[in-house]
N, C-alpha and C. Protein backbone atom coordinates (compact mmCIF):
# COMPACT_ATOMS: atom_id res chain seq x y z
N UNK A 1 124.86 104.11 93.48
CA UNK A 1 124.62 102.68 93.56
C UNK A 1 124.80 102.23 95.00
N UNK A 2 123.86 101.44 95.48
CA UNK A 2 123.88 100.91 96.83
C UNK A 2 124.69 99.63 96.88
N UNK A 3 125.19 99.31 98.06
CA UNK A 3 125.93 98.06 98.22
C UNK A 3 125.04 96.84 97.98
N UNK A 4 123.73 97.01 98.12
CA UNK A 4 122.80 95.90 97.90
C UNK A 4 122.42 95.71 96.44
N UNK A 5 122.78 96.65 95.59
CA UNK A 5 122.43 96.55 94.18
C UNK A 5 123.21 95.43 93.50
N UNK A 6 122.56 94.80 92.54
CA UNK A 6 123.22 93.77 91.75
C UNK A 6 124.16 94.42 90.73
N UNK A 7 125.25 93.75 90.46
CA UNK A 7 126.18 94.23 89.43
C UNK A 7 125.59 93.98 88.05
N UNK A 8 125.99 94.80 87.09
CA UNK A 8 125.68 94.54 85.68
C UNK A 8 126.91 93.86 85.08
N UNK A 9 126.73 92.68 84.54
CA UNK A 9 127.82 91.95 83.90
C UNK A 9 127.51 91.91 82.41
N UNK A 10 128.31 92.64 81.63
CA UNK A 10 128.08 92.73 80.18
C UNK A 10 128.89 91.66 79.47
N UNK A 11 128.22 90.63 78.96
CA UNK A 11 128.90 89.63 78.16
C UNK A 11 128.96 90.04 76.70
N UNK A 12 128.01 90.89 76.29
CA UNK A 12 128.02 91.37 74.91
C UNK A 12 127.07 92.54 74.78
N UNK A 13 127.41 93.46 73.89
CA UNK A 13 126.52 94.57 73.57
C UNK A 13 126.83 95.82 74.36
N UNK A 14 126.21 96.90 73.93
CA UNK A 14 126.36 98.18 74.61
C UNK A 14 125.18 99.06 74.23
N UNK A 15 124.98 100.10 75.01
CA UNK A 15 123.90 101.05 74.75
C UNK A 15 124.54 102.38 74.41
N UNK A 16 124.59 102.70 73.13
CA UNK A 16 125.21 103.95 72.69
C UNK A 16 124.23 104.71 71.81
N UNK A 17 124.42 106.02 71.80
CA UNK A 17 123.66 106.86 70.89
C UNK A 17 124.64 107.41 69.87
N UNK A 18 124.47 107.15 68.56
CA UNK A 18 123.63 106.13 67.95
C UNK A 18 124.20 104.73 68.18
N UNK A 19 123.53 103.67 67.90
CA UNK A 19 122.30 103.56 67.14
C UNK A 19 121.04 103.82 67.97
N UNK A 20 121.10 103.67 69.30
CA UNK A 20 119.95 104.00 70.13
C UNK A 20 119.73 105.50 70.08
N UNK A 21 118.47 105.94 70.08
CA UNK A 21 118.21 107.36 70.28
C UNK A 21 118.51 107.67 71.74
N UNK A 22 118.67 108.93 72.07
CA UNK A 22 118.93 109.32 73.45
C UNK A 22 117.80 108.82 74.36
N UNK A 23 116.56 108.96 73.91
CA UNK A 23 115.42 108.54 74.72
C UNK A 23 115.43 107.03 74.97
N UNK A 24 115.74 106.25 73.95
CA UNK A 24 115.79 104.79 74.10
C UNK A 24 116.94 104.38 75.02
N UNK A 25 118.07 105.05 74.91
CA UNK A 25 119.21 104.74 75.78
C UNK A 25 118.87 105.05 77.23
N UNK A 26 118.19 106.17 77.47
CA UNK A 26 117.79 106.52 78.83
C UNK A 26 116.77 105.51 79.38
N UNK A 27 115.83 105.10 78.55
CA UNK A 27 114.84 104.11 78.98
C UNK A 27 115.52 102.79 79.34
N UNK A 28 116.44 102.35 78.50
CA UNK A 28 117.16 101.10 78.77
C UNK A 28 117.95 101.21 80.07
N UNK A 29 118.63 102.33 80.26
CA UNK A 29 119.39 102.54 81.49
C UNK A 29 118.49 102.53 82.72
N UNK A 30 117.34 103.16 82.61
CA UNK A 30 116.38 103.20 83.72
C UNK A 30 115.89 101.79 84.06
N UNK A 31 115.55 101.01 83.05
CA UNK A 31 115.06 99.65 83.29
C UNK A 31 116.16 98.75 83.88
N UNK A 32 117.38 98.89 83.38
CA UNK A 32 118.49 98.11 83.93
C UNK A 32 118.74 98.48 85.39
N UNK A 33 118.61 99.76 85.70
CA UNK A 33 118.79 100.22 87.09
C UNK A 33 117.73 99.60 87.99
N UNK A 34 116.49 99.52 87.51
CA UNK A 34 115.44 98.88 88.31
C UNK A 34 115.78 97.41 88.57
N UNK A 35 116.29 96.73 87.55
CA UNK A 35 116.69 95.33 87.74
C UNK A 35 117.81 95.21 88.76
N UNK A 36 118.78 96.12 88.71
CA UNK A 36 119.87 96.11 89.68
C UNK A 36 119.35 96.25 91.10
N UNK A 37 118.29 97.00 91.26
CA UNK A 37 117.73 97.23 92.59
C UNK A 37 116.80 96.11 93.04
N UNK A 38 116.68 95.07 92.22
CA UNK A 38 115.91 93.90 92.61
C UNK A 38 114.46 93.90 92.18
N UNK A 39 114.06 94.90 91.38
CA UNK A 39 112.68 94.92 90.92
C UNK A 39 112.46 93.83 89.87
N UNK A 40 111.28 93.29 89.87
CA UNK A 40 110.91 92.30 88.86
C UNK A 40 110.06 93.03 87.82
N UNK A 41 110.52 93.03 86.59
CA UNK A 41 109.79 93.70 85.51
C UNK A 41 108.96 92.68 84.74
N UNK A 42 107.84 93.15 84.22
CA UNK A 42 106.95 92.29 83.45
C UNK A 42 106.57 93.01 82.16
N UNK A 43 105.68 92.40 81.39
CA UNK A 43 105.22 93.01 80.15
C UNK A 43 104.61 94.37 80.46
N UNK A 44 104.79 95.37 79.66
CA UNK A 44 105.39 95.32 78.34
C UNK A 44 106.89 95.58 78.33
N UNK A 45 107.50 95.90 79.50
CA UNK A 45 108.93 96.21 79.51
C UNK A 45 109.82 94.98 79.38
N UNK A 46 109.38 93.85 79.92
CA UNK A 46 110.23 92.66 79.95
C UNK A 46 109.36 91.42 79.79
N UNK A 47 109.92 90.43 79.11
CA UNK A 47 109.21 89.15 79.02
C UNK A 47 110.22 88.03 79.25
N UNK A 48 109.71 86.92 79.77
CA UNK A 48 110.59 85.79 80.05
C UNK A 48 111.02 85.13 78.75
N UNK A 49 112.18 84.50 78.80
CA UNK A 49 112.72 83.78 77.63
C UNK A 49 113.20 82.40 78.08
N UNK A 50 112.26 81.51 78.41
CA UNK A 50 112.65 80.18 78.86
C UNK A 50 113.39 79.38 77.78
N UNK A 51 113.22 79.76 76.51
CA UNK A 51 113.94 79.07 75.44
C UNK A 51 115.44 79.40 75.46
N UNK A 52 115.83 80.45 76.18
CA UNK A 52 117.25 80.77 76.36
C UNK A 52 117.78 80.08 77.61
N UNK A 53 117.02 80.14 78.69
CA UNK A 53 117.45 79.51 79.93
C UNK A 53 116.65 79.99 81.12
N UNK A 54 116.88 79.37 82.26
CA UNK A 54 116.20 79.76 83.50
C UNK A 54 116.61 81.19 83.87
N UNK A 55 115.66 81.95 84.37
CA UNK A 55 115.85 83.33 84.82
C UNK A 55 116.24 84.28 83.69
N UNK A 56 116.04 83.85 82.43
CA UNK A 56 116.37 84.70 81.29
C UNK A 56 115.14 85.48 80.83
N UNK A 57 115.40 86.70 80.41
CA UNK A 57 114.35 87.62 79.99
C UNK A 57 114.89 88.50 78.87
N UNK A 58 113.98 89.27 78.28
CA UNK A 58 114.41 90.30 77.35
C UNK A 58 113.72 91.61 77.71
N UNK A 59 114.52 92.67 77.76
CA UNK A 59 113.96 94.01 77.88
C UNK A 59 113.51 94.43 76.51
N UNK A 60 112.40 95.13 76.44
CA UNK A 60 111.81 95.55 75.18
C UNK A 60 111.86 97.08 75.13
N UNK A 61 112.67 97.60 74.22
CA UNK A 61 112.86 99.04 74.09
C UNK A 61 112.37 99.46 72.70
N UNK A 62 111.33 100.27 72.67
CA UNK A 62 110.84 100.80 71.41
C UNK A 62 111.48 102.15 71.16
N UNK A 63 112.15 102.26 70.03
CA UNK A 63 112.87 103.47 69.65
C UNK A 63 112.09 104.18 68.55
N UNK A 64 112.61 105.30 68.11
CA UNK A 64 111.93 106.10 67.08
C UNK A 64 111.59 105.28 65.84
N UNK A 65 112.56 104.54 65.34
CA UNK A 65 112.34 103.77 64.12
C UNK A 65 112.77 102.31 64.24
N UNK A 66 113.12 101.89 65.44
CA UNK A 66 113.60 100.53 65.66
C UNK A 66 113.01 99.96 66.95
N UNK A 67 113.11 98.67 67.05
CA UNK A 67 112.75 97.98 68.29
C UNK A 67 113.99 97.24 68.75
N UNK A 68 114.41 97.50 70.00
CA UNK A 68 115.63 96.90 70.54
C UNK A 68 115.26 95.86 71.59
N UNK A 69 116.12 94.89 71.73
CA UNK A 69 115.98 93.88 72.77
C UNK A 69 117.31 93.75 73.51
N UNK A 70 117.20 93.62 74.81
CA UNK A 70 118.36 93.35 75.67
C UNK A 70 118.06 92.04 76.38
N UNK A 71 118.76 90.98 76.00
CA UNK A 71 118.55 89.67 76.61
C UNK A 71 119.45 89.61 77.84
N UNK A 72 118.83 89.24 78.98
CA UNK A 72 119.58 89.20 80.24
C UNK A 72 119.13 88.03 81.09
N UNK A 73 119.98 87.70 82.07
CA UNK A 73 119.64 86.71 83.07
C UNK A 73 119.75 87.37 84.43
N UNK A 74 118.73 87.17 85.25
CA UNK A 74 118.71 87.75 86.59
C UNK A 74 119.26 86.72 87.58
N UNK A 75 120.53 86.88 87.96
CA UNK A 75 121.15 86.03 88.97
C UNK A 75 120.95 86.65 90.34
N UNK A 76 121.27 85.92 91.38
CA UNK A 76 121.11 86.43 92.74
C UNK A 76 122.00 87.65 93.00
N UNK A 77 123.17 87.69 92.36
CA UNK A 77 124.13 88.76 92.63
C UNK A 77 124.39 89.67 91.44
N UNK A 78 123.80 89.39 90.29
CA UNK A 78 124.11 90.17 89.09
C UNK A 78 123.00 90.08 88.06
N UNK A 79 122.96 91.09 87.20
CA UNK A 79 122.16 91.06 85.99
C UNK A 79 123.16 90.82 84.86
N UNK A 80 123.06 89.67 84.21
CA UNK A 80 124.04 89.28 83.19
C UNK A 80 123.45 89.61 81.82
N UNK A 81 124.09 90.56 81.12
CA UNK A 81 123.63 90.98 79.80
C UNK A 81 124.23 90.03 78.77
N UNK A 82 123.34 89.33 78.06
CA UNK A 82 123.78 88.33 77.10
C UNK A 82 123.86 88.86 75.68
N UNK A 83 122.96 89.76 75.32
CA UNK A 83 122.93 90.27 73.94
C UNK A 83 122.07 91.52 73.87
N UNK A 84 122.46 92.43 73.01
CA UNK A 84 121.68 93.61 72.66
C UNK A 84 121.54 93.58 71.14
N UNK A 85 120.28 93.62 70.67
CA UNK A 85 120.10 93.55 69.22
C UNK A 85 118.84 94.29 68.80
N UNK A 86 118.82 94.64 67.53
CA UNK A 86 117.66 95.28 66.92
C UNK A 86 116.73 94.17 66.43
N UNK A 87 115.51 94.18 66.91
CA UNK A 87 114.56 93.14 66.53
C UNK A 87 113.79 93.58 65.30
N UNK A 88 113.81 92.74 64.27
CA UNK A 88 113.18 93.10 63.00
C UNK A 88 112.02 92.18 62.63
N UNK A 89 111.83 91.11 63.40
CA UNK A 89 110.72 90.19 63.13
C UNK A 89 109.98 89.93 64.44
N UNK A 90 108.87 89.20 64.35
CA UNK A 90 108.08 88.90 65.55
C UNK A 90 108.74 87.86 66.45
N UNK A 91 109.61 87.05 65.89
CA UNK A 91 110.27 86.02 66.68
C UNK A 91 111.75 86.36 66.85
N UNK A 92 112.31 85.90 67.94
CA UNK A 92 113.74 86.09 68.17
C UNK A 92 114.50 85.13 67.26
N UNK A 93 115.46 85.65 66.49
CA UNK A 93 116.21 84.78 65.58
C UNK A 93 116.90 83.63 66.32
N UNK A 94 116.92 82.47 65.71
CA UNK A 94 117.51 81.28 66.32
C UNK A 94 118.99 81.48 66.63
N UNK A 95 119.71 82.23 65.78
CA UNK A 95 121.14 82.44 66.05
C UNK A 95 121.34 83.29 67.30
N UNK A 96 120.41 84.19 67.61
CA UNK A 96 120.51 84.99 68.84
C UNK A 96 120.30 84.09 70.05
N UNK A 97 119.32 83.22 69.98
CA UNK A 97 119.06 82.29 71.09
C UNK A 97 120.27 81.39 71.32
N UNK A 98 120.85 80.88 70.24
CA UNK A 98 122.04 80.03 70.37
C UNK A 98 123.21 80.80 70.97
N UNK A 99 123.45 82.03 70.49
CA UNK A 99 124.52 82.86 71.05
C UNK A 99 124.33 83.06 72.56
N UNK A 100 123.12 83.36 72.97
CA UNK A 100 122.84 83.60 74.38
C UNK A 100 123.08 82.35 75.21
N UNK A 101 122.63 81.20 74.72
CA UNK A 101 122.87 79.94 75.42
C UNK A 101 124.36 79.65 75.56
N UNK A 102 125.11 79.89 74.48
CA UNK A 102 126.56 79.68 74.52
C UNK A 102 127.23 80.61 75.52
N UNK A 103 126.80 81.87 75.55
CA UNK A 103 127.38 82.83 76.49
C UNK A 103 127.08 82.45 77.93
N UNK A 104 125.87 81.99 78.20
CA UNK A 104 125.52 81.53 79.55
C UNK A 104 126.41 80.36 79.95
N UNK A 105 126.55 79.41 79.04
CA UNK A 105 127.36 78.21 79.33
C UNK A 105 128.81 78.61 79.66
N UNK A 106 129.40 79.49 78.85
CA UNK A 106 130.78 79.94 79.10
C UNK A 106 130.87 80.72 80.41
N UNK A 107 129.93 81.62 80.64
CA UNK A 107 129.92 82.42 81.86
C UNK A 107 129.83 81.53 83.10
N UNK A 108 128.89 80.59 83.09
CA UNK A 108 128.72 79.71 84.23
C UNK A 108 129.96 78.85 84.46
N UNK A 109 130.60 78.42 83.39
CA UNK A 109 131.82 77.63 83.49
C UNK A 109 132.95 78.46 84.14
N UNK A 110 133.09 79.71 83.69
CA UNK A 110 134.13 80.58 84.24
C UNK A 110 133.87 80.90 85.71
N UNK A 111 132.62 81.16 86.04
CA UNK A 111 132.27 81.48 87.43
C UNK A 111 132.52 80.29 88.35
N UNK A 112 132.23 79.09 87.88
CA UNK A 112 132.41 77.90 88.73
C UNK A 112 133.89 77.59 88.96
N UNK A 113 134.78 78.10 88.10
CA UNK A 113 136.21 77.85 88.23
C UNK A 113 136.88 78.83 89.19
N UNK A 114 136.17 79.91 89.56
CA UNK A 114 136.79 80.89 90.46
C UNK A 114 136.47 80.61 91.90
């Protein structure tokens, strides 16, 4: 890791095998590493999520029998991981969006106090 790389800040979730297959875990790690290095990812690997907040996106990881999402926010100094979940429908569940918004609010509040 370079001194210029952004930190990964995990507010929730993890990438483990299982439930991720080894291939899906490696793909997720590779994409997160690209984000740390300042790359901007687009479809099909990542899509914006303005309904969660500014600079929010989701990584899209297709696994053997599941589809995973990693919701994150790209800050100037960090990639903030808000949620990791298995996506089972075409739309992101409302409770996931609410959880992510709440986590951003708490994170920003804590950061502003330091």
